[in-house]
């Protein structure tokens, strides 16, 4: 990877973050109706995930082009976790803001986005020794590499992302236990967020275990399957909601769940790439980055139809805007998997 391409791949997450911040702000400030109070902050804080992904991208790229220094090693993970914590705090504050009832759903979703950002920040942290993966992959043995993380550190990282995922699942269950429409909407979206957090467990585990050279043959199938299952759950959940509540005020949330499922499938590209190139040759590795490109396009096409539907039914205003933001997340993941593909190439 030359320096110019490295700048491009680092710019993509920042540009997508800028898009989310600008678009979310525009939606929120252009009116005071319920739909804008919901969609605006959610789209805005999708940019937080892009910033966390930027931390991951920069961590890996700097190792590839040999500009990774102690300052970057410290700053980039801190940036990811700081954005995640800020997003989560904003979400909690919005939940308890009784002056704006519409913030109840918005706050829960924003807090969930903070959990996703925390998982991504953990991926950025474990990627600090990404440069060990190509060498370990060329080593036929599975002897633990002392230059990688210790077993205790590996368990710590995996525990962190697992904790975030469990919090999201528990949160979703608690919300769904109340029959009101706001609780149903917030709980369903939190369930989709939990699917993304669970998918990120597979990514973090794959990276850290390959850095330690203890990534087993069985894991080459197990981790990608986990991500595909999570994407399938979110997508199927969304379709069930759409058809089960068709014509009712809550059916729109099904489209958001489908969008979250597409994000899971985008994450699968990274996990799948790491699995396919591990201690083997995979001629189609350069084609795997097409997965997040296709999911990003699917988000944009779906959003286009929802924009038209929103002209006649206001309830589709929110999913049209949110899915556009999710498309930005998918395109950011294209940048990450392209970096992974370049960094894991064998000479």
Protein backbone atom coordinates (compact mmCIF):
# COMPACT_ATOMS: atom_id res chain seq x y z
CA UNK A 1 0.00 0.00 0.00
CA UNK A 2 1.49 3.35 -1.01
CA UNK A 3 1.11 6.52 1.03
CA UNK A 4 -1.55 8.05 -1.23
CA UNK A 5 -3.84 5.04 -0.95
CA UNK A 6 -3.29 4.94 2.80
CA UNK A 7 -4.49 8.55 3.06
CA UNK A 8 -7.57 7.69 0.99
CA UNK A 9 -8.54 4.74 3.17
CA UNK A 10 -8.08 6.82 6.31
CA UNK A 11 -10.09 9.66 4.81
CA UNK A 12 -13.13 7.50 4.04
CA UNK A 13 -14.14 6.96 7.71
CA UNK A 14 -13.62 10.67 8.45
CA UNK A 15 -15.66 11.76 5.43
CA UNK A 16 -18.46 9.36 6.39
CA UNK A 17 -18.33 10.66 9.98
CA UNK A 18 -18.55 14.22 8.68
CA UNK A 19 -21.52 13.24 6.54
CA UNK A 20 -23.35 11.72 9.53
CA UNK A 21 -22.61 14.71 11.76
CA UNK A 22 -23.68 17.22 9.11
CA UNK A 23 -26.75 15.31 7.92
CA UNK A 24 -27.89 14.50 11.45
CA UNK A 25 -27.54 18.13 12.48
CA UNK A 26 -29.43 19.26 9.39
CA UNK A 27 -32.31 16.88 10.09
CA UNK A 28 -32.52 17.90 13.75
CA UNK A 29 -32.36 21.68 13.27
CA UNK A 30 -34.74 21.91 10.30
CA UNK A 31 -37.86 21.33 12.38
CA UNK A 32 -39.25 20.28 15.73
CA UNK A 33 -41.56 17.41 14.75
CA UNK A 34 -41.24 13.97 16.33
CA UNK A 35 -39.58 12.37 13.32
CA UNK A 36 -36.75 14.91 13.19
CA UNK A 37 -36.16 14.73 16.95
CA UNK A 38 -35.72 10.99 16.52
CA UNK A 39 -33.82 10.67 13.25
CA UNK A 40 -31.50 13.67 13.69
CA UNK A 41 -29.59 12.56 16.81
CA UNK A 42 -29.45 8.92 15.66
CA UNK A 43 -27.90 9.82 12.30
CA UNK A 44 -25.56 12.28 14.03
CA UNK A 45 -24.23 9.67 16.46
CA UNK A 46 -23.77 7.09 13.71
CA UNK A 47 -20.77 9.30 13.01
CA UNK A 48 -19.32 8.14 16.33
CA UNK A 49 -19.04 4.62 14.92
CA UNK A 50 -17.23 6.06 11.89
CA UNK A 51 -14.73 7.81 14.18
CA UNK A 52 -14.13 4.56 16.06
CA UNK A 53 -13.63 2.81 12.71
CA UNK A 54 -11.14 5.53 11.79
CA UNK A 55 -9.14 4.55 14.88
CA UNK A 56 -9.08 0.96 13.64
CA UNK A 57 -8.15 1.96 10.09
CA UNK A 58 -5.33 4.25 11.21
CA UNK A 59 -3.97 1.65 13.63
CA UNK A 60 -3.65 -0.94 10.87
CA UNK A 61 -2.50 1.38 8.07
CA UNK A 62 0.23 2.97 10.14
CA UNK A 63 1.68 -0.48 10.75
CA UNK A 64 1.52 -1.31 7.04
CA UNK A 65 3.33 1.88 5.97
CA UNK A 66 5.61 1.76 9.04
CA UNK A 67 4.58 5.04 10.65
CA UNK A 68 3.06 3.52 13.78
CA UNK A 69 4.60 5.21 16.81
CA UNK A 70 3.97 5.26 20.59
CA UNK A 71 1.82 8.38 20.27
CA UNK A 72 -0.51 6.73 17.75
CA UNK A 73 -0.52 3.52 19.81
CA UNK A 74 -1.88 5.50 22.76
CA UNK A 75 -4.03 8.13 21.04
CA UNK A 76 -6.05 6.03 18.59
CA UNK A 77 -7.65 3.60 21.10
CA UNK A 78 -8.31 6.48 23.49
CA UNK A 79 -10.05 8.36 20.68
CA UNK A 80 -12.31 5.37 20.00
CA UNK A 81 -13.24 4.81 23.63
CA UNK A 82 -13.72 8.55 24.28
CA UNK A 83 -16.19 8.82 21.39
CA UNK A 84 -17.99 5.67 22.58
CA UNK A 85 -18.29 6.96 26.15
CA UNK A 86 -19.47 10.38 25.00
CA UNK A 87 -22.12 8.81 22.78
CA UNK A 88 -23.34 6.52 25.55
CA UNK A 89 -23.57 9.40 28.03
CA UNK A 90 -25.56 11.51 25.57
CA UNK A 91 -27.93 8.58 25.10
CA UNK A 92 -28.49 8.15 28.84
CA UNK A 93 -29.06 11.89 29.30
CA UNK A 94 -31.63 11.89 26.50
CA UNK A 95 -33.46 8.94 28.04
CA UNK A 96 -33.92 10.89 31.27
CA UNK A 97 -34.82 14.18 29.58
CA UNK A 98 -38.51 14.39 30.50
CA UNK A 99 -38.94 17.74 28.74
CA UNK A 100 -38.76 16.03 25.34
CA UNK A 101 -40.80 12.77 25.38
CA UNK A 102 -39.56 11.89 21.88
CA UNK A 103 -36.06 11.47 23.26
CA UNK A 104 -37.10 8.24 25.01
CA UNK A 105 -36.64 6.12 21.88
CA UNK A 106 -33.80 8.29 20.56
CA UNK A 107 -31.85 8.07 23.80
CA UNK A 108 -31.99 4.28 23.93
CA UNK A 109 -30.80 4.01 20.33
CA UNK A 110 -27.98 6.53 20.84
CA UNK A 111 -26.83 4.67 23.97
CA UNK A 112 -26.81 1.48 21.88
CA UNK A 113 -24.64 3.21 19.28
CA UNK A 114 -22.24 3.99 22.11
CA UNK A 115 -22.02 0.25 22.86
CA UNK A 116 -21.20 -0.47 19.20
CA UNK A 117 -18.53 2.26 19.24
CA UNK A 118 -17.03 0.67 22.36
CA UNK A 119 -16.78 -2.68 20.57
CA UNK A 120 -15.14 -1.02 17.56
CA UNK A 121 -12.71 0.82 19.85
CA UNK A 122 -11.74 -2.56 21.32
CA UNK A 123 -11.09 -3.82 17.78
CA UNK A 124 -8.81 -0.80 17.28
CA UNK A 125 -6.96 -1.64 20.50
CA UNK A 126 -6.31 -5.28 19.60
CA UNK A 127 -5.22 -4.20 16.11
CA UNK A 128 -2.17 -2.52 17.64
CA UNK A 129 -0.20 -5.73 16.91
CA UNK A 130 -1.79 -6.42 13.54
CA UNK A 131 1.63 -6.57 11.87
CA UNK A 132 2.16 -10.02 13.49
CA UNK A 133 -0.69 -11.62 11.51
CA UNK A 134 1.03 -12.05 8.10
CA UNK A 135 4.05 -13.73 9.72
CA UNK A 136 1.92 -15.96 11.93
CA UNK A 137 -0.20 -16.92 8.93
CA UNK A 138 2.91 -18.06 7.07
CA UNK A 139 3.98 -20.18 10.04
CA UNK A 140 2.68 -23.74 9.69
CA UNK A 141 2.73 -24.31 13.45
CA UNK A 142 0.21 -23.05 15.99
CA UNK A 143 2.80 -22.20 18.62
CA UNK A 144 1.86 -19.09 20.57
CA UNK A 145 3.80 -16.02 19.45
CA UNK A 146 5.29 -14.27 22.51
CA UNK A 147 5.20 -10.94 20.66
CA UNK A 148 1.41 -11.09 20.64
CA UNK A 149 -0.92 -10.42 23.53
CA UNK A 150 -0.90 -12.74 26.51
CA UNK A 151 -3.76 -15.15 27.09
CA UNK A 152 -4.97 -12.96 29.95
CA UNK A 153 -5.01 -9.88 27.72
CA UNK A 154 -6.87 -11.80 25.04
CA UNK A 155 -9.54 -12.84 27.53
CA UNK A 156 -9.82 -9.24 28.75
CA UNK A 157 -10.48 -7.89 25.25
CA UNK A 158 -12.97 -10.64 24.47
CA UNK A 159 -14.69 -10.04 27.81
CA UNK A 160 -15.05 -6.32 27.09
CA UNK A 161 -16.85 -6.81 23.77
CA UNK A 162 -18.88 -9.70 25.19
CA UNK A 163 -19.96 -7.45 28.07
CA UNK A 164 -21.12 -4.74 25.66
CA UNK A 165 -23.05 -7.35 23.65
CA UNK A 166 -24.68 -8.81 26.78
CA UNK A 167 -25.68 -5.34 27.96
CA UNK A 168 -27.32 -4.68 24.59
CA UNK A 169 -29.21 -8.01 24.63
CA UNK A 170 -30.38 -7.51 28.22
CA UNK A 171 -31.39 -3.93 27.44
CA UNK A 172 -33.43 -5.09 24.44
CA UNK A 173 -35.20 -7.78 26.47
CA UNK A 174 -36.12 -5.33 29.24
CA UNK A 175 -37.54 -2.84 26.73
CA UNK A 176 -39.49 -5.48 24.82
CA UNK A 177 -41.06 -6.74 28.05
CA UNK A 178 -43.19 -3.55 28.07
CA UNK A 179 -45.99 -3.65 25.45
CA UNK A 180 -46.07 0.06 24.52
CA UNK A 181 -45.05 1.11 21.00
CA UNK A 182 -42.10 3.33 22.12
CA UNK A 183 -40.67 0.43 24.15
CA UNK A 184 -41.21 -1.94 21.22
CA UNK A 185 -39.43 0.39 18.79
CA UNK A 186 -36.51 1.07 21.13
CA UNK A 187 -36.24 -2.60 22.15
CA UNK A 188 -36.30 -3.89 18.58
CA UNK A 189 -33.57 -1.48 17.46
CA UNK A 190 -31.53 -2.35 20.55
CA UNK A 191 -31.87 -6.01 19.53
CA UNK A 192 -30.38 -5.18 16.13
CA UNK A 193 -27.60 -3.27 17.86
CA UNK A 194 -26.96 -6.35 20.03
CA UNK A 195 -26.54 -8.40 16.84
CA UNK A 196 -23.86 -5.96 15.67
CA UNK A 197 -22.06 -6.06 19.02
CA UNK A 198 -22.12 -9.87 18.95
CA UNK A 199 -20.68 -9.80 15.43
CA UNK A 200 -17.85 -7.61 16.68
CA UNK A 201 -16.95 -10.29 19.25
CA UNK A 202 -16.01 -12.49 16.28
CA UNK A 203 -13.86 -9.71 14.79
CA UNK A 204 -11.99 -8.93 17.99
CA UNK A 205 -11.43 -12.62 18.76
CA UNK A 206 -10.20 -13.31 15.22
CA UNK A 207 -7.68 -10.46 15.30
CA UNK A 208 -6.27 -11.09 18.76
CA UNK A 209 -6.05 -14.87 18.31
CA UNK A 210 -4.30 -14.56 14.97
CA UNK A 211 -1.84 -12.13 16.54
CA UNK A 212 -1.13 -14.78 19.18
CA UNK A 213 -0.98 -17.51 16.48
CA UNK A 214 -3.56 -19.62 18.32
CA UNK A 215 -6.39 -19.19 15.81
CA UNK A 216 -7.50 -22.77 15.15
CA UNK A 217 -8.80 -24.41 11.98
CA UNK A 218 -12.24 -24.82 13.52
CA UNK A 219 -12.47 -21.09 14.15
CA UNK A 220 -12.14 -20.42 10.43
CA UNK A 221 -15.74 -21.58 10.13
CA UNK A 222 -17.11 -20.75 13.58
CA UNK A 223 -16.49 -17.00 13.71
CA UNK A 224 -17.78 -16.14 10.20
CA UNK A 225 -20.86 -18.28 10.84
CA UNK A 226 -21.57 -16.37 14.04
CA UNK A 227 -21.58 -13.07 12.14
CA UNK A 228 -23.75 -14.43 9.32
CA UNK A 229 -26.20 -15.79 11.92
CA UNK A 230 -26.39 -12.38 13.62
CA UNK A 231 -26.98 -10.68 10.28
CA UNK A 232 -29.65 -13.24 9.47
CA UNK A 233 -31.37 -12.76 12.85
CA UNK A 234 -31.52 -8.97 12.48
CA UNK A 235 -32.74 -9.17 8.88
CA UNK A 236 -35.35 -11.87 9.58
CA UNK A 237 -36.48 -10.01 12.69
CA UNK A 238 -36.99 -6.92 10.57
CA UNK A 239 -38.97 -8.76 7.91
CA UNK A 240 -41.20 -10.37 10.55
CA UNK A 241 -41.93 -6.95 12.08
CA UNK A 242 -42.72 -5.47 8.66
CA UNK A 243 -45.21 -8.20 7.73
CA UNK A 244 -46.60 -8.90 11.19
CA UNK A 245 -47.38 -5.25 11.92
CA UNK A 246 -48.02 -4.16 8.33
CA UNK A 247 -50.01 -0.95 8.26
CA UNK A 248 -49.58 -0.35 12.00
CA UNK A 249 -47.59 2.52 13.57
CA UNK A 250 -44.70 0.25 14.55
CA UNK A 251 -44.03 -1.55 11.24
CA UNK A 252 -41.40 1.01 10.15
CA UNK A 253 -38.90 -0.30 12.71
CA UNK A 254 -38.57 -3.46 10.64
CA UNK A 255 -36.71 -1.51 7.95
CA UNK A 256 -34.23 -0.22 10.54
CA UNK A 257 -33.61 -3.81 11.64
CA UNK A 258 -32.95 -4.83 8.04
CA UNK A 259 -30.41 -1.99 7.84
CA UNK A 260 -28.71 -3.18 11.01
CA UNK A 261 -28.60 -6.68 9.54
CA UNK A 262 -26.79 -5.25 6.49
CA UNK A 263 -24.19 -3.75 8.83
CA UNK A 264 -23.65 -7.23 10.31
CA UNK A 265 -23.10 -8.62 6.81
CA UNK A 266 -20.58 -5.83 6.21
CA UNK A 267 -18.70 -6.87 9.35
CA UNK A 268 -18.72 -10.45 8.06
CA UNK A 269 -16.40 -9.39 5.24
CA UNK A 270 -13.62 -8.63 7.74
CA UNK A 271 -14.11 -11.81 9.74
CA UNK A 272 -14.40 -13.89 6.56
CA UNK A 273 -11.23 -12.39 5.07
CA UNK A 274 -9.20 -13.12 8.19
CA UNK A 275 -10.49 -16.70 8.19
CA UNK A 276 -9.86 -17.37 4.50
CA UNK A 277 -6.25 -16.16 4.39
CA UNK A 278 -5.19 -17.83 7.66
CA UNK A 279 -2.36 -20.25 6.90
CA UNK A 280 -3.67 -20.77 3.37
CA UNK A 281 -3.96 -19.10 -0.01
CA UNK A 282 -7.30 -17.66 -1.08
CA UNK A 283 -7.28 -16.29 -4.64
CA UNK A 284 -10.60 -14.49 -4.19
CA UNK A 285 -9.47 -12.48 -1.15
CA UNK A 286 -9.41 -9.28 -3.21
CA UNK A 287 -13.12 -9.77 -3.99
CA UNK A 288 -14.26 -9.88 -0.35
CA UNK A 289 -14.26 -6.04 -0.02
CA UNK A 290 -17.16 -6.08 -2.48
CA UNK A 291 -19.44 -7.33 0.34
CA UNK A 292 -19.61 -3.98 2.20
CA UNK A 293 -19.90 -2.15 -1.13
CA UNK A 294 -22.99 -4.21 -1.96
CA UNK A 295 -24.50 -3.71 1.51
CA UNK A 296 -23.87 0.04 1.31
CA UNK A 297 -25.62 0.19 -2.07
CA UNK A 298 -28.49 -1.89 -0.71
CA UNK A 299 -28.90 0.59 2.16
CA UNK A 300 -28.98 3.53 -0.22
CA UNK A 301 -31.46 1.88 -2.62
CA UNK A 302 -33.71 0.88 0.28
CA UNK A 303 -33.50 4.40 1.70
CA UNK A 304 -34.50 5.82 -1.69
CA UNK A 305 -37.74 3.83 -1.67
CA UNK A 306 -38.42 4.82 1.93
CA UNK A 307 -37.89 8.50 1.09
CA UNK A 308 -40.67 8.18 -1.48
CA UNK A 309 -42.91 6.33 0.97
CA UNK A 310 -42.29 9.01 3.60
CA UNK A 311 -43.97 11.56 1.32
CA UNK A 312 -47.29 9.82 2.00
CA UNK A 313 -46.65 8.25 5.42
CA UNK A 314 -44.56 10.23 7.89
CA UNK A 315 -43.61 7.15 9.92
CA UNK A 316 -41.12 6.20 7.18
CA UNK A 317 -39.25 9.50 7.63
CA UNK A 318 -37.05 7.99 10.36
CA UNK A 319 -35.99 4.70 8.69
CA UNK A 320 -35.23 6.52 5.41
CA UNK A 321 -32.74 8.81 7.16
CA UNK A 322 -31.32 6.20 9.53
CA UNK A 323 -30.71 3.65 6.77
CA UNK A 324 -28.86 6.33 4.81
CA UNK A 325 -26.56 6.71 7.80
CA UNK A 326 -26.17 2.94 8.03
CA UNK A 327 -25.09 2.99 4.40
CA UNK A 328 -22.28 5.32 5.44
CA UNK A 329 -21.24 2.78 8.10
CA UNK A 330 -21.18 -0.01 5.49
CA UNK A 331 -19.03 2.07 3.15
CA UNK A 332 -16.66 2.82 6.02
CA UNK A 333 -16.36 -0.93 6.60
CA UNK A 334 -15.37 -1.26 2.92
CA UNK A 335 -12.35 0.89 3.77
CA UNK A 336 -11.46 -1.32 6.75
CA UNK A 337 -11.71 -4.65 4.90
CA UNK A 338 -9.68 -3.22 2.00
CA UNK A 339 -6.98 -2.29 4.49
CA UNK A 340 -7.10 -5.78 5.98
CA UNK A 341 -6.83 -7.34 2.52
CA UNK A 342 -3.77 -5.24 1.74
CA UNK A 343 -2.14 -5.83 5.12
CA UNK A 344 -2.58 -9.61 5.08
CA UNK A 345 -1.21 -10.23 1.59
CA UNK A 346 1.65 -12.67 1.53
CA UNK A 347 4.76 -11.66 -0.39
